[in-house]
């Protein structure tokens, strides 16, 4: 069986339960924080520092926003080291790259999360679970905001224009 066929079968067999989605979302935010924090730690350019700070803020806010939903679903909000490991591995690949290449790598990664999170939203909607679908939709929009940021960065948009999708999606946006 081809890899594509196996993936398609797995996708059809997967239930995309709300609890599974919440755990996926939360782990993604923890890993995202690890990525943006580690990149921020070594960034030297003030504009790159601001952009990474805004991305880190978005991940932190979203992780905190998820916690009540996690607890209501009976899930733990603990952040084991294993949740940070994918982020650390990704940062190791990004560390030697220039800013544009880092942004491109992040841009290349985001569509898979938009797609996966949309599957959770569609599944919740199909189950008639409006509140669950709303949470999943929020997470889809969260990922899309980061994707729009990376697209604007790669198009060399001015600072505030690049940051606008991130600051719009943040409850407590950082100002430069």
Foldseek 3Di string as FASTA:
>chain_A
DDPVVVVVVVLVPDLLDLLVLLVVLLLVLLQQLLQLVVVLVPDDDPLSNQLSVLSNLLSVQLNVVSVVVQVVVVHDSDDDVVSNVVSVVLNVVCVVDDPLVNLVVLLVPLVVVLVSLVSSLVSCVVVVNVVSNVSSVLSSLSSVLSNQLSVCVNVVHDSCVSCVSSQVSGPDGDDD
